[in-house]
Amino acid sequence: MSNLLHEPFLARAHERPGATALVHGARRVSYAELDRASRAMARRLCDLGLERGDRVGVALGRSTAAVVAALGILRAGGTYVPLDEQSPPARRQLVLDDCEVRGVVTARAAPDHGASGPSGPRLGTAPDPSPLTRAFVVELDDLAASPHTGSGEWGGPAQPIQAEDPAYILYTSGSTGTPKGVVVSHRAARAFVDWAVKAFDLRHEDRLSNVTQLSFDLSVFDIFAGLAAGAEIHLAASDHLLRPAHLVEWLGRVGITTWYSVPSTLCLLLEHGGLRERPPGSLRRVLFAGEVFPVPQLRRTMSALPSARFYNLFGPTETNVCTWYALPRSLAPDATAIPIGTPCEHASAAVLDPEGRPARVGEEGELCIGGAGVMSGYWNHPASTRDAFWPAGTVSGLGRLYRTGDRTRLDGSGRLWFLGRRDRQLKHRGYRIELGEVEAAVASVPGVAESAVVTRPDGRQGLGLCAVVVPRPGEKLTVLTVKSHCGRVLPAYMVPASVEIRECLPRTCTGKVDFQRLR
């Protein structure tokens, strides 16, 4: 075997079996326990008829059980398909139907902690009336990583796992409203993990926080890069994100060294969690991705954590992280944006015009990504897969290139800058407007903690701009204040026609701002 996603974990479990791998509340799971539990899961999945490449749904929240399930599915030669526990049943059903799962791992039955005997995977093929019914259901509780689980030898799956086999499928929102499954091979996922361990010098002394579910690609760093480094992975409690002060206290208490989240979560910790007043002294790395981090909020967050290095990681689910940028210790006083940096070692990047020609330095173009970390394609959508790539040979020496849809430019120092999404541009009053530019202006209003800009029907000219803002604690914002500030930094046609002041912004299950609900 080579270039398999779970191989580094197996090596660490052999080297340091007694070291702690997972921590969830009071539960601590060693590398040896996680090895035994995931091997037991793999063996029993194979006993149930799982074959190489079969998809298995994972209907578990953030838990040790979810990690056991993912590792067990991989070791059995299957492909794990995480189901967002916050998604409505109809969407989960759509995911299961689309990728034709062979079975589902779930936590249907609560464990009886007073009963004798070992805890662990409980397997069933009985009829199940829920939308998750498939050929088999594996019920797995959160204490699955028991030292009693998985005794005995197992020779591995009947068919050898190949590096090009799918490791996982993550479903993202499609432009047609139907989610699409992003297929990521072992080779692609492993390329990212190997880069992450090296780039951030992750070691067994590190403690990584995990605040996302398996259904979000940030979890690949938290779990698989953490396990590859032999580090401790601390799973945040489900209610921590709803109680930012508790999350900040938890970070300091457990000694987290490496944090990775969307910027919105960091803003919550800063404005509502007391991050400035109680900075975790152990925190050495702060990684963020998934959204543009408004510079005013970023500057305040960096000021609250002066001992930590900050990193901007960039890339869609189809490439995971493809470019990165290590921020300086302090931002320039006149900075209004930060670069997305340079390509990762496992990625190649090109900025192309609509005809596939390389843009010149300073010119706008679409960011296109090649290299080992790019997805295999969209599950069961060959036409969408074909349309998502420039063919090999478009740019000499770069192979096929994934079209991200991100507008970027390359500066004279070789750094890439994000200019916005193709799908977040609009024509308003005859002018082309990039919503990200308006959002940056709104974010710079004194007293604004968070903000977002959306379009809404205005009854006169089609779509109008609406700014939704959340004041910082103790600050009083008015509609006039926001509009006046925007009028000083934006052309009149870009000033939001309406302003809403709210206590908070709606979030998706991944912690990003939910623009659909705002609209």
Protein backbone atom coordinates (compact mmCIF):
# COMPACT_ATOMS: atom_id res chain seq x y z
CA MET A 1 0.00 0.00 0.00
CA SER A 2 1.12 3.57 -0.62
CA ASN A 3 -0.38 7.03 -0.58
CA LEU A 4 -3.43 5.90 1.38
CA LEU A 5 -5.12 8.44 3.61
CA HIS A 6 -5.12 6.29 6.75
CA GLU A 7 -1.56 4.92 6.46
CA PRO A 8 0.17 7.64 8.54
CA PHE A 9 -2.26 7.01 11.40
CA LEU A 10 -1.41 3.30 11.38
CA ALA A 11 2.29 4.16 11.56
CA ARG A 12 1.76 6.50 14.54
CA ALA A 13 -0.38 3.88 16.30
CA HIS A 14 2.48 1.40 15.95
CA GLU A 15 5.11 3.89 17.13
CA ARG A 16 3.28 5.41 20.10
CA PRO A 17 0.29 3.19 20.94
CA GLY A 18 -0.25 4.63 24.41
CA ALA A 19 -0.34 8.26 23.26
CA THR A 20 -3.68 10.06 23.28
CA ALA A 21 -5.28 10.38 19.85
CA LEU A 22 -8.75 11.79 20.59
CA VAL A 23 -10.26 13.74 23.45
CA HIS A 24 -14.00 14.40 23.66
CA GLY A 25 -15.21 15.70 26.98
CA ALA A 26 -13.94 13.35 29.68
CA ARG A 27 -13.25 10.58 27.16
CA ARG A 28 -9.64 10.06 26.07
CA VAL A 29 -8.85 7.55 23.31
CA SER A 30 -5.33 6.29 22.74
CA TYR A 31 -3.81 5.53 19.35
CA ALA A 32 -3.93 1.82 20.21
CA GLU A 33 -7.62 2.00 21.12
CA LEU A 34 -8.42 3.91 17.94
CA ASP A 35 -6.45 1.37 15.93
CA ARG A 36 -8.35 -1.57 17.47
CA ALA A 37 -11.77 0.06 17.16
CA SER A 38 -11.31 1.12 13.54
CA ARG A 39 -9.91 -2.32 12.65
CA ALA A 40 -12.98 -3.93 14.22
CA MET A 41 -15.21 -1.60 12.22
CA ALA A 42 -13.36 -2.46 9.02
CA ARG A 43 -13.50 -6.20 9.64
CA ARG A 44 -17.22 -6.17 10.33
CA LEU A 45 -17.96 -3.97 7.34
CA CYS A 46 -16.16 -6.52 5.18
CA ASP A 47 -18.14 -9.31 6.88
CA LEU A 48 -21.31 -7.47 5.87
CA GLY A 49 -20.21 -7.58 2.22
CA LEU A 50 -18.55 -4.18 1.78
CA GLU A 51 -16.42 -4.20 -1.35
CA ARG A 52 -13.66 -1.95 -2.59
CA GLY A 53 -15.03 1.46 -3.52
CA ASP A 54 -18.46 0.99 -1.91
CA ARG A 55 -19.85 4.16 -0.36
CA VAL A 56 -20.84 4.20 3.30
CA GLY A 57 -22.84 7.04 4.84
CA VAL A 58 -21.68 8.41 8.19
CA ALA A 59 -24.63 9.83 10.12
CA LEU A 60 -22.74 10.87 13.23
CA GLY A 61 -22.00 14.26 14.70
CA ARG A 62 -18.62 15.43 15.92
CA SER A 63 -17.54 12.51 18.09
CA THR A 64 -14.98 9.77 18.58
CA ALA A 65 -17.46 7.46 16.86
CA ALA A 66 -17.31 9.55 13.69
CA VAL A 67 -13.52 9.23 13.57
CA VAL A 68 -13.74 5.47 14.21
CA ALA A 69 -16.29 5.19 11.40
CA ALA A 70 -14.23 7.14 8.87
CA LEU A 71 -11.06 5.18 9.63
CA GLY A 72 -12.90 1.86 9.61
CA ILE A 73 -14.51 2.55 6.25
CA LEU A 74 -11.17 3.54 4.74
CA ARG A 75 -9.41 0.48 6.13
CA ALA A 76 -12.14 -1.75 4.68
CA GLY A 77 -11.55 -0.25 1.23
CA GLY A 78 -14.75 1.82 1.26
CA THR A 79 -15.50 5.49 0.73
CA TYR A 80 -16.96 7.50 3.59
CA VAL A 81 -19.79 9.91 2.81
CA PRO A 82 -20.47 12.26 5.75
CA LEU A 83 -24.05 13.35 6.32
CA ASP A 84 -24.57 16.74 7.89
CA GLU A 85 -26.63 16.14 11.02
CA GLN A 86 -28.17 19.60 10.70
CA SER A 87 -29.43 19.01 7.17
CA PRO A 88 -33.10 18.21 6.68
CA PRO A 89 -33.95 14.53 6.08
CA ALA A 90 -34.83 15.21 2.44
CA ARG A 91 -31.33 16.48 1.68
CA ARG A 92 -29.69 13.57 3.46
CA GLN A 93 -31.91 11.23 1.49
CA LEU A 94 -30.83 12.93 -1.72
CA VAL A 95 -27.16 12.40 -0.82
CA LEU A 96 -27.70 8.73 0.02
CA ASP A 97 -29.65 8.12 -3.16
CA ASP A 98 -27.21 9.98 -5.37
CA CYS A 99 -24.12 8.03 -4.33
CA GLU A 100 -25.95 4.72 -3.76
CA VAL A 101 -24.47 3.95 -0.38
CA ARG A 102 -23.88 0.34 0.59
CA GLY A 103 -24.69 1.05 4.22
CA VAL A 104 -24.88 3.68 6.93
CA VAL A 105 -23.01 4.13 10.20
CA THR A 106 -25.23 5.81 12.74
CA ALA A 107 -25.86 6.16 16.47
CA ARG A 108 -29.43 4.99 16.44
CA ALA A 109 -29.35 3.22 19.81
CA ALA A 110 -28.02 4.86 22.97
CA PRO A 111 -25.39 2.73 24.74
CA ASP A 112 -26.28 1.08 28.03
CA HIS A 113 -23.35 2.13 30.19
CA GLY A 114 -24.57 -0.08 33.04
CA ALA A 115 -24.53 -3.28 31.02
CA SER A 116 -21.68 -5.73 31.18
CA GLY A 117 -19.57 -6.59 28.21
CA PRO A 118 -17.50 -4.50 25.85
CA SER A 119 -18.87 -1.51 24.01
CA GLY A 120 -18.27 -1.18 20.31
CA PRO A 121 -19.86 -1.49 16.90
CA ARG A 122 -23.30 -3.08 17.00
CA LEU A 123 -24.32 -4.32 13.60
CA GLY A 124 -27.80 -4.84 12.29
CA THR A 125 -29.66 -5.64 9.12
CA ALA A 126 -33.16 -5.31 10.57
CA PRO A 127 -35.68 -3.14 8.70
CA ASP A 128 -35.25 0.50 9.55
CA PRO A 129 -38.11 2.95 8.95
CA SER A 130 -35.86 6.02 8.84
CA PRO A 131 -34.68 7.73 5.63
CA LEU A 132 -31.25 6.19 6.26
CA THR A 133 -32.36 2.66 5.43
CA ARG A 134 -29.86 0.80 3.24
CA ALA A 135 -28.52 -2.74 2.88
CA PHE A 136 -27.06 -2.54 6.38
CA VAL A 137 -26.94 -0.16 9.31
CA VAL A 138 -24.03 -0.08 11.74
CA GLU A 139 -24.90 1.38 15.11
CA LEU A 140 -21.87 2.87 16.79
CA ASP A 141 -21.82 4.72 20.11
CA ASP A 142 -19.42 7.45 21.17
CA LEU A 143 -17.43 5.02 23.35
CA ALA A 144 -16.67 2.79 20.39
CA ALA A 145 -12.94 3.09 20.91
CA SER A 146 -12.87 0.57 23.75
CA PRO A 147 -9.73 -1.41 24.59
CA HIS A 148 -11.91 -4.54 24.39
CA THR A 149 -12.97 -3.80 20.82
CA GLY A 150 -11.45 -5.54 17.86
CA SER A 151 -9.46 -8.35 19.39
CA GLY A 152 -8.20 -11.00 17.03
CA GLU A 153 -6.43 -10.87 13.70
CA TRP A 154 -7.79 -9.51 10.45
CA GLY A 155 -6.07 -9.85 7.14
CA GLY A 156 -7.50 -6.71 5.58
CA PRO A 157 -9.97 -6.24 2.71
CA ALA A 158 -10.15 -8.89 0.04
CA GLN A 159 -9.19 -6.43 -2.71
CA PRO A 160 -6.09 -4.25 -2.23
CA ILE A 161 -6.85 -0.53 -1.86
CA GLN A 162 -5.39 1.67 -4.57
CA ALA A 163 -4.25 5.29 -4.24
CA GLU A 164 -6.71 6.37 -6.93
CA ASP A 165 -9.68 4.83 -5.11
CA PRO A 166 -12.09 7.38 -3.60
CA ALA A 167 -11.40 8.06 0.07
CA TYR A 168 -14.41 10.28 0.71
CA ILE A 169 -17.21 12.15 -1.04
CA LEU A 170 -18.26 15.57 0.25
CA TYR A 171 -21.48 17.11 -1.00
CA THR A 172 -21.53 20.81 -1.81
CA SER A 173 -24.30 23.06 -3.05
CA GLY A 174 -24.65 22.94 -6.81
CA SER A 175 -25.44 25.91 -9.02
CA THR A 176 -28.69 24.19 -10.03
CA GLY A 177 -29.79 23.81 -6.41
CA THR A 178 -28.95 20.11 -6.36
CA PRO A 179 -25.92 19.14 -4.25
CA LYS A 180 -22.98 17.57 -6.06
CA GLY A 181 -20.64 14.96 -4.61
CA VAL A 182 -16.97 15.92 -4.73
CA VAL A 183 -14.96 12.70 -5.06
CA VAL A 184 -11.53 12.89 -3.41
CA SER A 185 -9.10 10.01 -3.88
CA HIS A 186 -6.67 8.64 -1.31
CA ARG A 187 -3.83 10.13 -3.33
CA ALA A 188 -5.36 13.62 -3.37
CA ALA A 189 -6.27 13.61 0.31
CA ARG A 190 -2.89 12.21 1.28
CA ALA A 191 -1.08 14.88 -0.75
CA PHE A 192 -2.86 17.55 1.28
CA VAL A 193 -2.23 15.81 4.61
CA ASP A 194 1.49 15.31 3.91
CA TRP A 195 1.82 18.97 2.93
CA ALA A 196 -0.04 20.18 6.02
CA VAL A 197 2.11 18.20 8.46
CA LYS A 198 5.27 19.55 6.85
CA ALA A 199 4.11 23.13 6.26
CA PHE A 200 2.96 23.67 9.85
CA ASP A 201 5.55 21.43 11.49
CA LEU A 202 2.86 19.42 13.28
CA ARG A 203 4.25 17.13 15.98
CA HIS A 204 3.02 14.69 18.57
CA GLU A 205 3.22 17.46 21.19
CA ASP A 206 0.54 19.44 19.36
CA ARG A 207 -3.10 19.64 20.34
CA LEU A 208 -5.48 20.37 17.49
CA SER A 209 -9.02 21.61 17.92
CA ASN A 210 -11.83 20.14 15.85
CA VAL A 211 -14.87 22.41 15.62
CA THR A 212 -16.28 21.14 12.32
CA GLN A 213 -18.09 17.99 11.24
CA LEU A 214 -16.80 15.37 8.82
CA SER A 215 -19.04 16.91 6.16
CA PHE A 216 -16.82 20.03 6.02
CA ASP A 217 -13.43 19.73 4.33
CA LEU A 218 -11.65 21.54 7.18
CA SER A 219 -12.08 18.31 9.15
CA VAL A 220 -9.53 16.56 6.91
CA PHE A 221 -6.83 18.78 8.41
CA ASP A 222 -8.08 18.46 11.99
CA ILE A 223 -8.39 14.69 11.93
CA PHE A 224 -6.09 13.20 9.34
CA ALA A 225 -3.21 15.68 9.52
CA GLY A 226 -3.48 15.55 13.31
CA LEU A 227 -3.35 11.75 13.36
CA ALA A 228 -0.54 11.71 10.78
CA ALA A 229 1.53 13.86 13.14
CA GLY A 230 0.72 11.73 16.17
CA ALA A 231 -0.92 14.73 17.82
CA GLU A 232 -3.91 14.98 20.15
CA ILE A 233 -7.20 15.95 18.52
CA HIS A 234 -9.66 17.65 20.85
CA LEU A 235 -13.27 17.51 19.66
CA ALA A 236 -15.26 20.55 20.74
CA ALA A 237 -18.56 19.93 22.49
CA SER A 238 -21.65 20.45 20.35
CA ASP A 239 -22.80 23.49 22.32
CA HIS A 240 -19.44 25.26 22.36
CA LEU A 241 -20.08 27.11 19.12
CA LEU A 242 -23.34 28.37 20.60
CA ARG A 243 -21.49 29.60 23.70
CA PRO A 244 -18.34 31.41 22.54
CA ALA A 245 -17.16 32.18 26.08
CA HIS A 246 -17.17 28.46 26.88
CA LEU A 247 -15.22 27.74 23.72
CA VAL A 248 -12.55 30.31 24.61
CA GLU A 249 -12.29 28.87 28.12
CA TRP A 250 -12.00 25.35 26.67
CA LEU A 251 -9.19 26.38 24.30
CA GLY A 252 -7.09 27.61 27.21
CA ARG A 253 -7.98 24.80 29.58
CA VAL A 254 -7.05 21.93 27.26
CA GLY A 255 -4.00 23.72 25.83
CA ILE A 256 -4.89 23.89 22.13
CA THR A 257 -1.83 24.73 20.01
CA THR A 258 -3.41 24.73 16.54
CA TRP A 259 -6.77 26.20 15.57
CA TYR A 260 -8.49 25.94 12.17
CA SER A 261 -11.88 27.43 11.32
CA VAL A 262 -13.75 29.86 9.13
CA PRO A 263 -13.16 33.55 9.98
CA SER A 264 -16.75 33.92 11.20
CA THR A 265 -16.04 31.59 14.12
CA LEU A 266 -12.97 33.60 15.12
CA CYS A 267 -15.05 36.77 14.99
CA LEU A 268 -17.56 35.18 17.38
CA LEU A 269 -14.76 34.34 19.83
CA LEU A 270 -13.40 37.86 19.60
CA GLU A 271 -16.64 39.78 19.95
CA HIS A 272 -18.67 37.49 22.18
CA GLY A 273 -16.25 35.01 23.76
CA GLY A 274 -13.76 37.24 25.54
CA LEU A 275 -10.83 36.16 23.37
CA ARG A 276 -9.00 39.43 23.97
CA GLU A 277 -9.50 39.24 27.73
CA ARG A 278 -8.62 35.54 28.04
CA PRO A 279 -6.28 34.61 25.17
CA PRO A 280 -5.25 30.93 25.22
CA GLY A 281 -1.55 31.04 26.04
CA SER A 282 -0.83 27.72 24.32
CA LEU A 283 -2.15 28.78 20.91
CA ARG A 284 0.71 28.98 18.39
CA ARG A 285 -1.05 28.64 15.03
CA VAL A 286 -4.31 30.14 13.83
CA LEU A 287 -5.44 28.87 10.44
CA PHE A 288 -8.51 30.22 8.68
CA ALA A 289 -10.22 29.40 5.39
CA GLY A 290 -13.59 29.33 3.67
CA GLU A 291 -14.39 33.05 3.76
CA VAL A 292 -12.74 36.41 3.27
CA PHE A 293 -11.51 37.67 6.64
CA PRO A 294 -12.35 41.41 6.76
CA VAL A 295 -9.13 43.24 7.60
CA PRO A 296 -10.53 45.28 10.53
CA GLN A 297 -11.71 42.11 12.28
CA LEU A 298 -8.52 40.26 11.34
CA ARG A 299 -6.40 43.03 12.77
CA ARG A 300 -8.28 42.90 16.09
CA THR A 301 -8.02 39.11 16.24
CA MET A 302 -4.29 39.20 15.63
CA SER A 303 -3.94 41.84 18.33
CA ALA A 304 -5.82 39.58 20.76
CA LEU A 305 -3.44 36.67 20.03
CA PRO A 306 0.02 38.25 19.68
CA SER A 307 1.87 34.97 20.30
CA ALA A 308 0.16 33.07 17.47
CA ARG A 309 1.09 32.97 13.79
CA PHE A 310 -1.82 33.44 11.41
CA TYR A 311 -2.24 31.64 8.10
CA ASN A 312 -4.72 32.27 5.29
CA LEU A 313 -5.57 28.95 3.61
CA PHE A 314 -7.45 29.07 0.33
CA GLY A 315 -9.20 26.57 -1.88
CA PRO A 316 -12.60 25.07 -2.70
CA THR A 317 -13.72 21.62 -1.61
CA GLU A 318 -12.62 20.34 -5.02
CA THR A 319 -8.96 21.08 -4.19
CA ASN A 320 -9.04 21.42 -0.41
CA VAL A 321 -6.23 23.91 0.33
CA CYS A 322 -4.39 24.89 -2.84
CA THR A 323 -2.75 28.21 -1.88
CA TRP A 324 -1.61 29.60 1.44
CA TYR A 325 -0.16 32.72 2.98
CA ALA A 326 1.69 33.18 6.27
CA LEU A 327 0.71 36.59 7.60
CA PRO A 328 3.33 38.91 9.05
CA ARG A 329 3.20 39.52 12.79
CA SER A 330 1.31 42.76 12.17
CA LEU A 331 -0.57 44.09 9.18
CA ALA A 332 0.47 47.27 7.44
CA PRO A 333 -1.58 50.26 8.68
CA ASP A 334 -2.95 50.88 5.19
CA ALA A 335 -3.76 47.23 4.42
CA THR A 336 -7.27 46.68 3.08
CA ALA A 337 -6.85 43.06 1.98
CA ILE A 338 -4.45 40.16 2.36
CA PRO A 339 -3.17 37.83 -0.37
CA ILE A 340 -4.12 34.19 -0.68
CA GLY A 341 -0.44 33.57 -1.18
CA THR A 342 1.32 30.98 -3.27
CA PRO A 343 0.48 27.43 -4.37
CA CYS A 344 1.04 24.60 -1.89
CA GLU A 345 3.74 22.05 -2.76
CA HIS A 346 1.16 19.56 -3.99
CA ALA A 347 -0.64 22.09 -6.22
CA SER A 348 0.04 24.15 -9.32
CA ALA A 349 -1.82 27.35 -10.13
CA ALA A 350 -2.53 29.41 -13.22
CA VAL A 351 -4.54 32.60 -13.69
CA LEU A 352 -6.35 32.24 -17.00
CA ASP A 353 -8.58 34.41 -19.15
CA PRO A 354 -11.92 33.06 -20.52
CA GLU A 355 -10.08 31.52 -23.51
CA GLY A 356 -7.65 29.65 -21.29
CA ARG A 357 -4.70 31.97 -21.90
CA PRO A 358 -2.45 32.95 -18.97
CA ALA A 359 -3.18 36.42 -17.68
CA ARG A 360 -0.28 38.81 -17.34
CA VAL A 361 1.01 39.98 -13.96
CA GLY A 362 -1.55 42.31 -12.42
CA GLU A 363 -4.36 41.26 -14.75
CA GLU A 364 -7.55 39.65 -13.50
CA GLY A 365 -8.29 36.07 -14.42
CA GLU A 366 -9.79 32.84 -13.13
CA LEU A 367 -7.72 30.79 -10.68
CA CYS A 368 -7.20 27.29 -12.08
CA ILE A 369 -5.57 24.52 -10.05
CA GLY A 370 -3.72 21.36 -11.00
CA GLY A 371 -1.63 18.84 -9.13
CA ALA A 372 -2.08 15.83 -6.92
CA GLY A 373 -4.62 17.39 -4.56
CA VAL A 374 -7.42 17.99 -7.08
CA MET A 375 -10.63 15.99 -6.90
CA SER A 376 -11.28 13.04 -9.20
CA GLY A 377 -14.57 14.59 -10.28
CA TYR A 378 -18.22 14.94 -9.31
CA TRP A 379 -19.93 11.70 -8.44
CA ASN A 380 -22.15 10.48 -11.25
CA HIS A 381 -21.95 13.85 -13.04
CA PRO A 382 -19.58 13.38 -15.99
CA ALA A 383 -20.80 16.51 -17.79
CA SER A 384 -20.24 18.69 -14.71
CA THR A 385 -16.82 17.13 -14.25
CA ARG A 386 -15.89 17.81 -17.86
CA ASP A 387 -17.04 21.44 -17.64
CA ALA A 388 -15.10 21.99 -14.41
CA PHE A 389 -11.68 21.37 -15.99
CA TRP A 390 -9.47 22.83 -18.64
CA PRO A 391 -7.99 19.84 -20.49
CA ALA A 392 -4.37 18.82 -20.13
CA GLY A 393 -2.16 20.93 -22.36
CA THR A 394 -4.10 24.17 -21.87
CA VAL A 395 -1.07 25.45 -19.98
CA SER A 396 2.17 23.68 -20.84
CA GLY A 397 3.38 21.34 -18.13
CA LEU A 398 0.43 21.72 -15.76
CA GLY A 399 -1.85 18.87 -16.82
CA ARG A 400 -5.59 19.29 -16.47
CA LEU A 401 -6.68 22.32 -14.42
CA TYR A 402 -9.70 22.70 -12.19
CA ARG A 403 -11.60 25.94 -12.80
CA THR A 404 -12.33 27.36 -9.36
CA GLY A 405 -14.58 30.23 -10.44
CA ASP A 406 -12.46 32.54 -8.28
CA ARG A 407 -11.30 35.82 -9.78
CA THR A 408 -7.66 36.45 -8.91
CA ARG A 409 -4.56 38.34 -9.98
CA LEU A 410 -0.87 37.60 -9.65
CA ASP A 411 1.36 40.38 -8.32
CA GLY A 412 5.00 41.07 -9.13
CA SER A 413 6.14 39.12 -6.05
CA GLY A 414 4.43 35.92 -7.20
CA ARG A 415 1.55 36.19 -4.72
CA LEU A 416 -2.06 35.59 -5.65
CA TRP A 417 -4.84 37.95 -4.60
CA PHE A 418 -8.51 37.01 -4.39
CA LEU A 419 -10.75 39.50 -6.19
CA GLY A 420 -14.11 37.78 -5.76
CA ARG A 421 -16.33 35.09 -7.17
CA ARG A 422 -17.64 35.05 -10.71
CA ASP A 423 -21.07 34.26 -9.23
CA ARG A 424 -20.97 37.25 -6.80
CA GLN A 425 -20.74 39.87 -9.52
CA LEU A 426 -23.79 41.76 -10.67
CA LYS A 427 -24.81 44.62 -12.85
CA HIS A 428 -26.54 47.45 -10.95
CA ARG A 429 -27.56 50.74 -12.56
CA GLY A 430 -25.41 49.74 -15.51
CA TYR A 431 -22.29 49.22 -13.40
CA ARG A 432 -20.53 45.97 -12.60
CA ILE A 433 -20.36 45.46 -8.83
CA GLU A 434 -18.36 42.94 -6.83
CA LEU A 435 -20.24 42.27 -3.59
CA GLY A 436 -16.99 41.49 -1.79
CA GLU A 437 -15.81 45.07 -2.31
CA VAL A 438 -19.00 46.43 -0.78
CA GLU A 439 -18.66 43.99 2.14
CA ALA A 440 -15.12 45.21 2.79
CA ALA A 441 -16.37 48.79 2.99
CA VAL A 442 -19.19 47.86 5.37
CA ALA A 443 -16.78 45.83 7.54
CA SER A 444 -14.60 48.93 7.93
CA VAL A 445 -17.41 50.93 9.57
CA PRO A 446 -16.28 51.73 13.15
CA GLY A 447 -18.20 49.62 15.63
CA VAL A 448 -19.07 46.79 13.18
CA ALA A 449 -18.31 43.28 14.46
CA GLU A 450 -19.66 41.31 11.49
CA SER A 451 -21.35 42.15 8.24
CA ALA A 452 -22.62 40.74 4.99
CA VAL A 453 -24.03 42.21 1.79
CA VAL A 454 -26.78 40.58 -0.26
CA THR A 455 -29.05 41.55 -3.12
CA ARG A 456 -32.79 41.82 -2.72
CA PRO A 457 -35.62 42.95 -5.00
CA ASP A 458 -36.13 46.68 -4.49
CA GLY A 459 -39.37 47.00 -6.43
CA ARG A 460 -37.99 49.64 -8.77
CA GLN A 461 -34.72 48.67 -10.41
CA GLY A 462 -34.72 44.93 -9.97
CA LEU A 463 -32.10 44.11 -7.34
CA GLY A 464 -30.82 46.43 -4.64
CA LEU A 465 -27.91 46.08 -2.24
CA CYS A 466 -28.68 45.35 1.40
CA ALA A 467 -26.03 45.49 4.14
CA VAL A 468 -26.65 43.38 7.24
CA VAL A 469 -24.46 44.40 10.18
CA VAL A 470 -23.86 43.21 13.73
CA PRO A 471 -22.54 45.86 16.17
CA ARG A 472 -19.65 45.18 18.47
CA PRO A 473 -20.68 44.77 22.12
CA GLY A 474 -21.43 48.14 23.65
CA GLU A 475 -21.48 49.94 20.28
CA LYS A 476 -24.53 51.66 18.84
CA LEU A 477 -24.85 51.64 15.08
CA THR A 478 -27.42 53.44 13.00
CA VAL A 479 -28.44 53.08 9.38
CA LEU A 480 -27.18 56.62 8.76
CA THR A 481 -23.76 55.80 10.24
CA VAL A 482 -23.29 52.81 7.96
CA LYS A 483 -24.50 54.57 4.83
CA SER A 484 -22.45 57.70 5.52
CA HIS A 485 -19.25 55.73 5.96
CA CYS A 486 -19.89 53.70 2.79
CA GLY A 487 -20.59 56.94 0.93
CA ARG A 488 -17.11 58.17 1.81
CA VAL A 489 -15.31 55.09 0.48
CA LEU A 490 -17.57 53.77 -2.31
CA PRO A 491 -19.09 55.20 -5.47
CA ALA A 492 -22.75 56.15 -5.05
CA TYR A 493 -23.96 53.19 -7.11
CA MET A 494 -22.23 50.78 -4.71
CA VAL A 495 -23.62 52.21 -1.47
CA PRO A 496 -26.19 49.77 -0.02
CA ALA A 497 -29.73 50.97 -0.52
CA SER A 498 -30.83 49.41 2.76
CA VAL A 499 -29.15 48.50 6.04
CA GLU A 500 -30.30 45.99 8.62
CA ILE A 501 -28.85 45.94 12.13
CA ARG A 502 -29.05 42.53 13.80
CA GLU A 503 -27.79 40.80 16.91
CA CYS A 504 -26.19 38.00 14.88
CA LEU A 505 -25.84 36.65 11.35
CA PRO A 506 -27.38 33.32 10.34
CA ARG A 507 -24.87 30.50 9.91
CA THR A 508 -24.61 27.38 7.84
CA CYS A 509 -23.67 24.08 9.48
CA THR A 510 -20.02 24.85 8.66
CA GLY A 511 -20.08 28.17 10.49
CA LYS A 512 -20.06 30.34 7.37
CA VAL A 513 -22.51 33.19 6.88
CA ASP A 514 -25.72 31.79 5.40
CA PHE A 515 -26.29 34.13 2.46
CA GLN A 516 -29.30 32.19 1.25
CA ARG A 517 -31.19 32.86 4.49
CA LEU A 518 -30.12 36.51 4.43
CA ARG A 519 -31.54 36.87 0.94
